[in-house]
């Protein structure tokens, strides 16, 4: 149960906890089937911090050998729009050279972060690179990223062009703990500019 204080600032709920659980199970099933067909184990790379809940729920449902690691890529800061210049600020521990990699994202909007990560993983020698995103926001896409080595694009939900929080996604590090995905009221992020 989420308290009224935790829900403050939410305009409307887009996907409930039950809807999220059902869709994550479907995506995990598809991803697991593809990973089981690989000749060796995959490396699942979660993008911190937004993807942590999706990553945990996803990998717990994959019944195939895999390694899990995290990478941190920053492009938002405390704002509601990407700077367009993502950078890797905490790198992987797992060696991905010659391996099949699945990047797990909370949301793909402009495509800048995913494009940056794909280039970064290619330099590290990844054999193939797939992307599994919880939310896909194609209305904001500005970069046509290319998957590598027969990689696939998996997505949970197509997201409207709204600023969303919950299920790991934040505004100024708040709202990550909401079990649902909701649209944040504009006055919650516009009040910083009003002062």
N, C-alpha and C. Protein backbone atom coordinates (compact mmCIF):
# COMPACT_ATOMS: atom_id res chain seq x y z
N UNK A 1 0.84 -1.19 0.00
CA UNK A 1 0.00 0.00 0.00
C UNK A 1 0.88 1.24 0.00
N UNK A 2 0.58 2.18 -0.88
CA UNK A 2 1.36 3.40 -1.00
C UNK A 2 0.61 4.51 -0.27
N UNK A 3 1.33 5.26 0.55
CA UNK A 3 0.70 6.31 1.33
C UNK A 3 0.28 7.47 0.45
N UNK A 4 -0.62 8.29 1.01
CA UNK A 4 -1.07 9.49 0.29
C UNK A 4 0.09 10.43 0.02
N UNK A 5 1.03 10.52 0.96
CA UNK A 5 2.20 11.40 0.77
C UNK A 5 3.06 10.93 -0.39
N UNK A 6 3.22 9.61 -0.54
CA UNK A 6 4.04 9.08 -1.63
C UNK A 6 3.37 9.32 -2.98
N UNK A 7 2.04 9.35 -2.99
CA UNK A 7 1.28 9.59 -4.22
C UNK A 7 1.16 11.07 -4.58
N UNK A 8 1.55 11.95 -3.69
CA UNK A 8 1.42 13.39 -3.93
C UNK A 8 2.16 13.77 -5.20
N UNK A 9 1.51 14.54 -6.01
CA UNK A 9 2.15 15.00 -7.24
C UNK A 9 1.84 14.15 -8.45
N UNK A 10 1.13 13.05 -8.27
CA UNK A 10 0.80 12.18 -9.40
C UNK A 10 -0.53 12.62 -10.01
N UNK A 11 -0.51 12.90 -11.29
CA UNK A 11 -1.70 13.34 -12.00
C UNK A 11 -2.62 12.16 -12.29
N UNK A 12 -2.04 11.09 -12.83
CA UNK A 12 -2.84 9.90 -13.13
C UNK A 12 -1.91 8.68 -13.24
N UNK A 13 -2.46 7.52 -13.02
CA UNK A 13 -1.72 6.27 -13.13
C UNK A 13 -1.87 5.75 -14.55
N UNK A 14 -0.74 5.42 -15.18
CA UNK A 14 -0.76 4.85 -16.53
C UNK A 14 -0.83 3.33 -16.49
N UNK A 15 0.00 2.72 -15.63
CA UNK A 15 0.01 1.26 -15.51
C UNK A 15 0.08 0.89 -14.04
N UNK A 16 -0.82 0.03 -13.62
CA UNK A 16 -0.91 -0.41 -12.23
C UNK A 16 0.18 -1.45 -11.94
N UNK A 17 0.33 -1.76 -10.68
CA UNK A 17 1.29 -2.78 -10.26
C UNK A 17 0.97 -4.12 -10.92
N UNK A 18 -0.31 -4.49 -10.99
CA UNK A 18 -0.70 -5.76 -11.60
C UNK A 18 -0.43 -5.77 -13.10
N UNK A 19 -0.72 -4.66 -13.77
CA UNK A 19 -0.45 -4.58 -15.22
C UNK A 19 1.04 -4.68 -15.50
N UNK A 20 1.84 -4.04 -14.66
CA UNK A 20 3.30 -4.09 -14.82
C UNK A 20 3.79 -5.52 -14.65
N UNK A 21 3.34 -6.19 -13.59
CA UNK A 21 3.78 -7.57 -13.32
C UNK A 21 3.44 -8.49 -14.49
N UNK A 22 2.24 -8.34 -15.03
CA UNK A 22 1.83 -9.20 -16.15
C UNK A 22 2.69 -8.93 -17.39
N UNK A 23 2.95 -7.67 -17.68
CA UNK A 23 3.73 -7.35 -18.88
C UNK A 23 5.19 -7.74 -18.71
N UNK A 24 5.76 -7.54 -17.54
CA UNK A 24 7.15 -7.95 -17.30
C UNK A 24 7.29 -9.45 -17.47
N UNK A 25 6.31 -10.22 -17.01
CA UNK A 25 6.35 -11.67 -17.18
C UNK A 25 6.36 -12.05 -18.66
N UNK A 26 5.58 -11.34 -19.48
CA UNK A 26 5.55 -11.61 -20.92
C UNK A 26 6.89 -11.29 -21.58
N UNK A 27 7.44 -10.14 -21.25
CA UNK A 27 8.73 -9.73 -21.83
C UNK A 27 9.83 -10.70 -21.39
N UNK A 28 9.82 -11.07 -20.12
CA UNK A 28 10.82 -12.01 -19.59
C UNK A 28 10.74 -13.35 -20.30
N UNK A 29 9.54 -13.81 -20.59
CA UNK A 29 9.36 -15.09 -21.27
C UNK A 29 9.98 -15.04 -22.67
N UNK A 30 9.73 -13.96 -23.40
CA UNK A 30 10.29 -13.79 -24.74
C UNK A 30 11.82 -13.70 -24.68
N UNK A 31 12.32 -12.90 -23.74
CA UNK A 31 13.76 -12.73 -23.60
C UNK A 31 14.42 -14.05 -23.19
N UNK A 32 13.83 -14.76 -22.25
CA UNK A 32 14.39 -16.03 -21.79
C UNK A 32 14.49 -17.04 -22.93
N UNK A 33 13.45 -17.10 -23.76
CA UNK A 33 13.46 -18.03 -24.90
C UNK A 33 14.62 -17.70 -25.83
N UNK A 34 14.87 -16.42 -26.07
CA UNK A 34 15.97 -16.02 -26.95
C UNK A 34 17.33 -16.29 -26.30
N UNK A 35 17.45 -16.06 -25.00
CA UNK A 35 18.72 -16.30 -24.30
C UNK A 35 19.04 -17.79 -24.27
N UNK A 36 18.02 -18.63 -24.10
CA UNK A 36 18.26 -20.08 -24.07
C UNK A 36 18.80 -20.60 -25.40
N UNK A 37 18.52 -19.90 -26.50
CA UNK A 37 19.02 -20.32 -27.81
C UNK A 37 20.47 -19.92 -28.06
N UNK A 38 21.03 -19.09 -27.20
CA UNK A 38 22.42 -18.65 -27.39
C UNK A 38 23.38 -19.79 -27.08
N UNK A 39 24.51 -19.84 -27.77
CA UNK A 39 25.49 -20.90 -27.51
C UNK A 39 26.20 -20.76 -26.16
N UNK A 40 26.18 -19.57 -25.59
CA UNK A 40 26.78 -19.35 -24.27
C UNK A 40 25.92 -18.39 -23.47
N UNK A 41 26.25 -18.19 -22.21
CA UNK A 41 25.43 -17.32 -21.35
C UNK A 41 25.49 -15.87 -21.82
N UNK A 42 24.42 -15.15 -21.53
CA UNK A 42 24.33 -13.74 -21.89
C UNK A 42 24.78 -12.88 -20.71
N UNK A 43 25.04 -11.61 -21.00
CA UNK A 43 25.31 -10.63 -19.95
C UNK A 43 24.18 -9.62 -20.00
N UNK A 44 23.46 -9.49 -18.91
CA UNK A 44 22.37 -8.53 -18.80
C UNK A 44 22.92 -7.32 -18.07
N UNK A 45 22.84 -6.17 -18.73
CA UNK A 45 23.41 -4.93 -18.20
C UNK A 45 22.29 -3.96 -17.88
N UNK A 46 22.05 -3.74 -16.60
CA UNK A 46 21.03 -2.78 -16.18
C UNK A 46 21.61 -1.38 -16.14
N UNK A 47 20.79 -0.42 -16.55
CA UNK A 47 21.21 0.97 -16.51
C UNK A 47 20.70 1.57 -15.20
N UNK A 48 21.66 1.91 -14.33
CA UNK A 48 21.32 2.45 -13.02
C UNK A 48 20.96 3.92 -13.15
N UNK A 49 20.07 4.40 -12.36
CA UNK A 49 19.37 3.73 -11.29
C UNK A 49 17.95 3.37 -11.71
N UNK A 50 17.47 3.99 -12.74
CA UNK A 50 16.06 3.86 -13.13
C UNK A 50 15.59 2.46 -13.43
N UNK A 51 16.46 1.61 -13.94
CA UNK A 51 16.03 0.27 -14.37
C UNK A 51 16.11 -0.78 -13.26
N UNK A 52 16.47 -0.39 -12.04
CA UNK A 52 16.75 -1.42 -11.02
C UNK A 52 15.56 -2.32 -10.71
N UNK A 53 14.36 -1.80 -10.63
CA UNK A 53 13.20 -2.65 -10.34
C UNK A 53 12.86 -3.55 -11.53
N UNK A 54 12.85 -2.97 -12.71
CA UNK A 54 12.58 -3.74 -13.92
C UNK A 54 13.63 -4.83 -14.09
N UNK A 55 14.89 -4.48 -13.90
CA UNK A 55 15.99 -5.45 -14.01
C UNK A 55 15.78 -6.62 -13.04
N UNK A 56 15.51 -6.30 -11.78
CA UNK A 56 15.32 -7.36 -10.78
C UNK A 56 14.14 -8.26 -11.13
N UNK A 57 13.02 -7.65 -11.49
CA UNK A 57 11.83 -8.45 -11.83
C UNK A 57 12.06 -9.29 -13.08
N UNK A 58 12.79 -8.73 -14.03
CA UNK A 58 13.06 -9.42 -15.30
C UNK A 58 13.98 -10.63 -15.10
N UNK A 59 15.14 -10.42 -14.49
CA UNK A 59 16.12 -11.51 -14.40
C UNK A 59 15.65 -12.65 -13.50
N UNK A 60 14.79 -12.34 -12.53
CA UNK A 60 14.26 -13.41 -11.68
C UNK A 60 13.36 -14.36 -12.45
N UNK A 61 12.89 -13.92 -13.61
CA UNK A 61 12.00 -14.74 -14.43
C UNK A 61 12.72 -15.41 -15.60
N UNK A 62 14.02 -15.24 -15.70
CA UNK A 62 14.77 -15.83 -16.81
C UNK A 62 15.47 -17.09 -16.31
N UNK A 63 15.04 -18.23 -16.81
CA UNK A 63 15.57 -19.51 -16.37
C UNK A 63 16.67 -19.99 -17.33
N UNK A 64 17.69 -19.17 -17.46
CA UNK A 64 18.84 -19.50 -18.33
C UNK A 64 20.08 -18.89 -17.69
N UNK A 65 21.25 -19.46 -17.98
CA UNK A 65 22.47 -18.90 -17.41
C UNK A 65 22.70 -17.47 -17.91
N UNK A 66 23.00 -16.57 -16.98
CA UNK A 66 23.32 -15.21 -17.37
C UNK A 66 24.13 -14.52 -16.28
N UNK A 67 24.91 -13.55 -16.70
CA UNK A 67 25.62 -12.67 -15.77
C UNK A 67 24.84 -11.36 -15.73
N UNK A 68 24.88 -10.69 -14.58
CA UNK A 68 24.18 -9.42 -14.43
C UNK A 68 25.17 -8.38 -13.92
N UNK A 69 25.13 -7.21 -14.54
CA UNK A 69 25.98 -6.10 -14.11
C UNK A 69 25.21 -4.81 -14.29
N UNK A 70 25.76 -3.75 -13.74
CA UNK A 70 25.14 -2.43 -13.84
C UNK A 70 26.11 -1.44 -14.45
N UNK A 71 25.57 -0.49 -15.16
CA UNK A 71 26.34 0.63 -15.69
C UNK A 71 25.54 1.88 -15.35
N UNK A 72 26.24 2.96 -15.11
CA UNK A 72 25.55 4.22 -14.83
C UNK A 72 25.84 5.18 -15.97
N UNK A 73 24.76 5.69 -16.55
CA UNK A 73 24.87 6.68 -17.63
C UNK A 73 24.00 7.85 -17.22
N UNK A 74 24.59 9.02 -17.24
CA UNK A 74 23.84 10.21 -16.79
C UNK A 74 23.57 11.14 -17.95
N UNK A 75 22.31 11.59 -18.02
CA UNK A 75 21.96 12.57 -19.04
C UNK A 75 20.84 13.51 -18.59
N UNK A 76 20.22 13.23 -17.43
CA UNK A 76 19.09 14.04 -16.99
C UNK A 76 19.42 15.02 -15.87
N UNK A 77 20.24 14.62 -14.89
CA UNK A 77 20.42 15.47 -13.71
C UNK A 77 19.09 15.54 -12.98
N UNK A 78 18.70 16.76 -12.57
CA UNK A 78 17.44 16.95 -11.86
C UNK A 78 16.32 17.42 -12.78
N UNK A 79 16.56 17.45 -14.08
CA UNK A 79 15.57 17.97 -15.02
C UNK A 79 14.59 16.92 -15.48
N UNK A 80 13.74 17.35 -16.42
CA UNK A 80 12.73 16.45 -16.97
C UNK A 80 13.04 16.10 -18.41
N UNK A 81 14.10 16.66 -18.96
CA UNK A 81 14.50 16.34 -20.32
C UNK A 81 15.98 16.01 -20.36
N UNK A 82 16.31 15.08 -21.23
CA UNK A 82 17.70 14.67 -21.41
C UNK A 82 18.54 15.83 -21.92
N UNK A 83 19.78 15.88 -21.46
CA UNK A 83 20.71 16.91 -21.93
C UNK A 83 21.12 16.65 -23.37
N UNK A 84 20.91 15.41 -23.83
CA UNK A 84 21.33 15.03 -25.17
C UNK A 84 22.80 14.64 -25.25
N UNK A 85 23.48 14.70 -24.11
CA UNK A 85 24.90 14.35 -24.05
C UNK A 85 25.15 13.34 -22.93
N UNK A 86 24.67 12.11 -23.10
CA UNK A 86 24.88 11.12 -22.04
C UNK A 86 26.35 10.74 -21.92
N UNK A 87 26.72 10.33 -20.71
CA UNK A 87 28.09 9.88 -20.48
C UNK A 87 28.07 8.76 -19.46
N UNK A 88 28.95 7.79 -19.66
CA UNK A 88 29.08 6.67 -18.74
C UNK A 88 29.85 7.16 -17.53
N UNK A 89 29.24 7.08 -16.35
CA UNK A 89 29.89 7.56 -15.13
C UNK A 89 30.29 6.44 -14.19
N UNK A 90 29.80 5.23 -14.41
CA UNK A 90 30.23 4.05 -13.66
C UNK A 90 30.16 2.87 -14.62
N UNK A 91 31.29 2.24 -14.86
CA UNK A 91 31.39 1.21 -15.89
C UNK A 91 31.15 -0.19 -15.34
N UNK A 92 31.09 -1.14 -16.24
CA UNK A 92 30.87 -2.54 -15.92
C UNK A 92 32.07 -3.17 -15.22
N UNK A 93 31.79 -4.22 -14.46
CA UNK A 93 32.85 -5.07 -13.90
C UNK A 93 33.02 -6.31 -14.77
N UNK A 94 31.92 -6.76 -15.37
CA UNK A 94 31.93 -7.97 -16.20
C UNK A 94 32.54 -7.65 -17.56
N UNK A 95 33.39 -8.55 -18.04
CA UNK A 95 33.98 -8.42 -19.38
C UNK A 95 32.95 -8.89 -20.40
N UNK A 96 32.58 -8.01 -21.34
CA UNK A 96 31.56 -8.35 -22.32
C UNK A 96 32.16 -8.71 -23.68
N UNK A 97 33.48 -8.76 -23.78
CA UNK A 97 34.12 -9.10 -25.06
C UNK A 97 33.68 -10.48 -25.52
N UNK A 98 33.18 -10.56 -26.76
CA UNK A 98 32.75 -11.83 -27.33
C UNK A 98 31.46 -12.39 -26.74
N UNK A 99 30.70 -11.56 -26.02
CA UNK A 99 29.48 -12.03 -25.35
C UNK A 99 28.25 -11.37 -25.94
N UNK A 100 27.12 -12.01 -25.70
CA UNK A 100 25.82 -11.45 -26.09
C UNK A 100 25.32 -10.61 -24.92
N UNK A 101 25.05 -9.34 -25.20
CA UNK A 101 24.67 -8.40 -24.15
C UNK A 101 23.23 -7.93 -24.36
N UNK A 102 22.50 -7.86 -23.24
CA UNK A 102 21.16 -7.29 -23.24
C UNK A 102 21.18 -6.08 -22.32
N UNK A 103 20.99 -4.90 -22.89
CA UNK A 103 20.91 -3.67 -22.10
C UNK A 103 19.48 -3.52 -21.60
N UNK A 104 19.33 -3.36 -20.28
CA UNK A 104 18.00 -3.20 -19.69
C UNK A 104 17.84 -1.76 -19.24
N UNK A 105 16.88 -1.08 -19.83
CA UNK A 105 16.62 0.34 -19.58
C UNK A 105 15.25 0.52 -18.95
N UNK A 106 15.09 1.61 -18.22
CA UNK A 106 13.76 1.95 -17.71
C UNK A 106 12.92 2.58 -18.81
N UNK A 107 13.52 3.48 -19.59
CA UNK A 107 12.77 4.16 -20.64
C UNK A 107 13.72 4.57 -21.77
N UNK A 108 13.28 4.36 -22.99
CA UNK A 108 14.02 4.85 -24.15
C UNK A 108 13.16 5.94 -24.76
N UNK A 109 13.69 7.17 -24.73
CA UNK A 109 12.94 8.26 -25.35
C UNK A 109 13.71 8.83 -26.54
N UNK A 110 14.64 9.72 -26.33
CA UNK A 110 15.37 10.29 -27.47
C UNK A 110 16.23 9.25 -28.18
N UNK A 111 16.70 8.26 -27.43
CA UNK A 111 17.60 7.24 -27.99
C UNK A 111 19.06 7.58 -27.76
N UNK A 112 19.35 8.75 -27.22
CA UNK A 112 20.73 9.16 -26.98
C UNK A 112 21.48 8.24 -26.02
N UNK A 113 20.85 7.91 -24.91
CA UNK A 113 21.53 7.06 -23.91
C UNK A 113 21.79 5.68 -24.47
N UNK A 114 20.79 5.08 -25.11
CA UNK A 114 20.95 3.75 -25.68
C UNK A 114 22.03 3.76 -26.76
N UNK A 115 22.03 4.78 -27.59
CA UNK A 115 23.06 4.89 -28.64
C UNK A 115 24.45 4.99 -28.04
N UNK A 116 24.59 5.79 -26.99
CA UNK A 116 25.87 5.92 -26.27
C UNK A 116 26.31 4.58 -25.70
N UNK A 117 25.38 3.86 -25.08
CA UNK A 117 25.70 2.56 -24.48
C UNK A 117 26.06 1.52 -25.53
N UNK A 118 25.34 1.50 -26.63
CA UNK A 118 25.66 0.53 -27.69
C UNK A 118 27.08 0.78 -28.19
N UNK A 119 27.43 2.03 -28.44
CA UNK A 119 28.79 2.35 -28.89
C UNK A 119 29.82 1.95 -27.85
N UNK A 120 29.52 2.19 -26.58
CA UNK A 120 30.43 1.85 -25.48
C UNK A 120 30.64 0.32 -25.41
N UNK A 121 29.56 -0.44 -25.53
CA UNK A 121 29.65 -1.91 -25.46
C UNK A 121 30.32 -2.49 -26.70
N UNK A 122 30.11 -1.86 -27.85
CA UNK A 122 30.81 -2.30 -29.07
C UNK A 122 32.32 -2.14 -28.91
N UNK A 123 32.73 -1.02 -28.33
CA UNK A 123 34.17 -0.79 -28.10
C UNK A 123 34.74 -1.84 -27.17
N UNK A 124 33.91 -2.35 -26.27
CA UNK A 124 34.36 -3.39 -25.34
C UNK A 124 34.31 -4.77 -25.97
N UNK A 125 33.84 -4.86 -27.22
CA UNK A 125 33.89 -6.13 -27.94
C UNK A 125 32.68 -7.02 -27.83
N UNK A 126 31.52 -6.46 -27.44
CA UNK A 126 30.31 -7.28 -27.36
C UNK A 126 29.99 -7.90 -28.72
N UNK A 127 29.64 -9.16 -28.71
CA UNK A 127 29.33 -9.90 -29.94
C UNK A 127 27.97 -9.48 -30.51
N UNK A 128 27.00 -9.32 -29.63
CA UNK A 128 25.68 -8.82 -30.03
C UNK A 128 25.16 -7.94 -28.90
N UNK A 129 24.31 -6.99 -29.28
CA UNK A 129 23.72 -6.09 -28.28
C UNK A 129 22.23 -5.96 -28.58
N UNK A 130 21.43 -6.36 -27.59
CA UNK A 130 19.98 -6.18 -27.62
C UNK A 130 19.61 -5.12 -26.60
N UNK A 131 18.42 -4.56 -26.73
CA UNK A 131 17.93 -3.59 -25.76
C UNK A 131 16.56 -4.06 -25.28
N UNK A 132 16.39 -4.08 -23.97
CA UNK A 132 15.12 -4.43 -23.35
C UNK A 132 14.71 -3.25 -22.48
N UNK A 133 13.71 -2.52 -22.92
CA UNK A 133 13.28 -1.34 -22.17
C UNK A 133 11.89 -1.55 -21.58
N UNK A 134 11.72 -1.07 -20.38
CA UNK A 134 10.41 -1.14 -19.75
C UNK A 134 9.42 -0.26 -20.51
N UNK A 135 9.82 0.99 -20.78
CA UNK A 135 8.97 1.92 -21.52
C UNK A 135 9.69 2.39 -22.78
N UNK A 136 8.94 2.50 -23.84
CA UNK A 136 9.45 3.04 -25.10
C UNK A 136 8.62 4.28 -25.43
N UNK A 137 9.32 5.40 -25.64
CA UNK A 137 8.64 6.66 -25.94
C UNK A 137 9.07 7.13 -27.33
N UNK A 138 8.57 6.49 -28.40
CA UNK A 138 9.03 6.82 -29.75
C UNK A 138 8.71 8.24 -30.19
N UNK A 139 7.73 8.89 -29.57
CA UNK A 139 7.39 10.26 -29.95
C UNK A 139 8.54 11.22 -29.70
N UNK A 140 9.46 10.86 -28.82
CA UNK A 140 10.60 11.73 -28.48
C UNK A 140 11.89 11.30 -29.16
N UNK A 141 11.85 10.26 -29.99
CA UNK A 141 13.07 9.70 -30.59
C UNK A 141 13.73 10.71 -31.52
N UNK A 142 15.01 10.97 -31.27
CA UNK A 142 15.81 11.84 -32.14
C UNK A 142 17.01 11.11 -32.71
N UNK A 143 17.33 9.93 -32.14
CA UNK A 143 18.49 9.15 -32.57
C UNK A 143 18.00 7.78 -33.03
N UNK A 144 18.39 7.39 -34.23
CA UNK A 144 18.04 6.09 -34.77
C UNK A 144 19.17 5.12 -34.42
N UNK A 145 19.11 4.54 -33.23
CA UNK A 145 20.19 3.65 -32.78
C UNK A 145 20.11 2.32 -33.51
N UNK A 146 21.27 1.69 -33.67
CA UNK A 146 21.38 0.41 -34.37
C UNK A 146 21.80 -0.68 -33.39
N UNK A 147 21.04 -1.76 -33.35
CA UNK A 147 21.41 -2.91 -32.54
C UNK A 147 22.55 -3.64 -33.23
N UNK A 148 23.26 -4.49 -32.51
CA UNK A 148 24.49 -5.10 -33.02
C UNK A 148 24.35 -6.62 -33.08
N UNK A 149 24.89 -7.22 -34.15
CA UNK A 149 25.01 -8.67 -34.24
C UNK A 149 23.71 -9.43 -34.14
N UNK A 150 22.65 -8.93 -34.75
CA UNK A 150 21.36 -9.61 -34.68
C UNK A 150 20.61 -9.36 -33.40
N UNK A 151 21.01 -8.33 -32.65
CA UNK A 151 20.32 -7.98 -31.41
C UNK A 151 18.86 -7.62 -31.65
N UNK A 152 18.04 -7.76 -30.62
CA UNK A 152 16.62 -7.47 -30.71
C UNK A 152 16.25 -6.32 -29.79
N UNK A 153 15.10 -5.70 -30.09
CA UNK A 153 14.55 -4.64 -29.25
C UNK A 153 13.29 -5.18 -28.58
N UNK A 154 13.30 -5.22 -27.25
CA UNK A 154 12.16 -5.69 -26.45
C UNK A 154 11.60 -4.48 -25.70
N UNK A 155 10.30 -4.40 -25.59
CA UNK A 155 9.73 -3.30 -24.81
C UNK A 155 8.52 -3.77 -24.03
N UNK A 156 8.36 -3.14 -22.87
CA UNK A 156 7.21 -3.44 -22.04
C UNK A 156 5.97 -2.72 -22.53
N UNK A 157 6.01 -1.39 -22.49
CA UNK A 157 4.87 -0.58 -22.90
C UNK A 157 5.34 0.57 -23.77
N UNK A 158 4.47 1.01 -24.68
CA UNK A 158 4.73 2.26 -25.39
C UNK A 158 4.18 3.38 -24.53
N UNK A 159 5.03 4.35 -24.26
CA UNK A 159 4.70 5.42 -23.32
C UNK A 159 4.27 6.69 -24.06
N UNK A 160 3.22 7.35 -23.58
CA UNK A 160 2.86 8.63 -24.18
C UNK A 160 3.93 9.68 -23.87
N UNK A 161 3.88 10.79 -24.56
CA UNK A 161 4.87 11.85 -24.36
C UNK A 161 4.52 12.67 -23.13
N UNK A 162 4.65 12.05 -21.97
CA UNK A 162 4.41 12.67 -20.66
C UNK A 162 5.59 12.35 -19.77
N UNK A 163 5.79 13.16 -18.72
CA UNK A 163 6.87 12.88 -17.77
C UNK A 163 6.34 11.89 -16.75
N UNK A 164 6.93 10.67 -16.76
CA UNK A 164 6.43 9.59 -15.91
C UNK A 164 7.42 9.24 -14.81
N UNK A 165 6.86 8.76 -13.71
CA UNK A 165 7.65 8.34 -12.55
C UNK A 165 7.07 7.05 -12.00
N UNK A 166 7.83 6.43 -11.12
CA UNK A 166 7.39 5.20 -10.46
C UNK A 166 8.08 3.99 -11.06
N UNK A 167 8.01 2.88 -10.34
CA UNK A 167 8.63 1.63 -10.77
C UNK A 167 10.09 1.86 -11.18
N UNK A 168 10.80 2.58 -10.32
CA UNK A 168 12.23 2.84 -10.53
C UNK A 168 12.54 4.19 -11.14
N UNK A 169 11.58 4.78 -11.82
CA UNK A 169 11.83 6.07 -12.50
C UNK A 169 11.54 7.22 -11.53
N UNK A 170 12.31 8.28 -11.68
CA UNK A 170 12.26 9.34 -10.69
C UNK A 170 12.10 10.73 -11.29
N UNK A 171 11.86 11.66 -10.39
CA UNK A 171 12.08 13.08 -10.64
C UNK A 171 12.89 13.56 -9.45
N UNK A 172 14.10 14.05 -9.69
CA UNK A 172 15.00 14.53 -8.63
C UNK A 172 15.16 13.47 -7.53
N UNK A 173 15.29 12.21 -7.93
CA UNK A 173 15.50 11.04 -7.07
C UNK A 173 14.29 10.64 -6.23
N UNK A 174 13.14 11.25 -6.45
CA UNK A 174 11.92 10.87 -5.73
C UNK A 174 11.02 10.04 -6.64
N UNK A 175 10.08 9.33 -6.05
CA UNK A 175 9.03 8.54 -6.72
C UNK A 175 9.49 7.17 -7.21
N UNK A 176 10.77 6.82 -7.10
CA UNK A 176 11.24 5.52 -7.59
C UNK A 176 10.50 4.36 -6.94
N UNK A 177 10.08 4.52 -5.70
CA UNK A 177 9.49 3.43 -4.93
C UNK A 177 8.00 3.19 -5.21
N UNK A 178 7.39 3.99 -6.07
CA UNK A 178 5.99 3.75 -6.38
C UNK A 178 5.86 2.42 -7.15
N UNK A 179 4.87 1.60 -6.81
CA UNK A 179 4.73 0.30 -7.48
C UNK A 179 4.05 0.39 -8.84
N UNK A 180 3.60 1.56 -9.20
CA UNK A 180 2.93 1.79 -10.48
C UNK A 180 3.70 2.85 -11.26
N UNK A 181 3.28 3.12 -12.49
CA UNK A 181 3.84 4.21 -13.28
C UNK A 181 2.76 5.27 -13.43
N UNK A 182 3.12 6.49 -13.05
CA UNK A 182 2.18 7.59 -13.13
C UNK A 182 2.77 8.79 -13.82
N UNK A 183 1.88 9.67 -14.26
CA UNK A 183 2.29 10.93 -14.88
C UNK A 183 2.43 11.95 -13.76
N UNK A 184 3.58 12.61 -13.72
CA UNK A 184 3.84 13.62 -12.70
C UNK A 184 3.16 14.93 -13.09
N UNK A 185 2.50 15.56 -12.12
CA UNK A 185 1.86 16.85 -12.37
C UNK A 185 2.93 17.88 -12.73
N UNK A 186 2.72 18.67 -13.78
CA UNK A 186 3.72 19.65 -14.19
C UNK A 186 4.12 20.62 -13.08
N UNK A 187 3.19 20.95 -12.19
CA UNK A 187 3.56 21.89 -11.12
C UNK A 187 4.61 21.32 -10.18
N UNK A 188 4.79 19.99 -10.17
CA UNK A 188 5.81 19.38 -9.31
C UNK A 188 7.21 19.67 -9.83
N UNK A 189 7.38 19.72 -11.14
CA UNK A 189 8.71 20.01 -11.65
C UNK A 189 8.84 21.45 -12.13
N UNK A 190 7.75 22.17 -12.29
CA UNK A 190 7.83 23.59 -12.66
C UNK A 190 8.07 24.49 -11.46
N UNK A 191 7.82 23.99 -10.23
CA UNK A 191 7.96 24.85 -9.06
C UNK A 191 9.40 25.25 -8.80
N UNK A 192 10.37 24.46 -9.29
CA UNK A 192 11.78 24.84 -9.15
C UNK A 192 12.07 26.14 -9.88
N UNK A 193 11.41 26.35 -11.01
CA UNK A 193 11.66 27.55 -11.79
C UNK A 193 10.84 28.73 -11.29
N UNK A 194 9.83 28.46 -10.46
CA UNK A 194 8.99 29.54 -9.93
C UNK A 194 9.67 30.30 -8.79
N UNK A 195 10.64 29.69 -8.15
CA UNK A 195 11.29 30.33 -6.98
C UNK A 195 12.33 31.35 -7.40
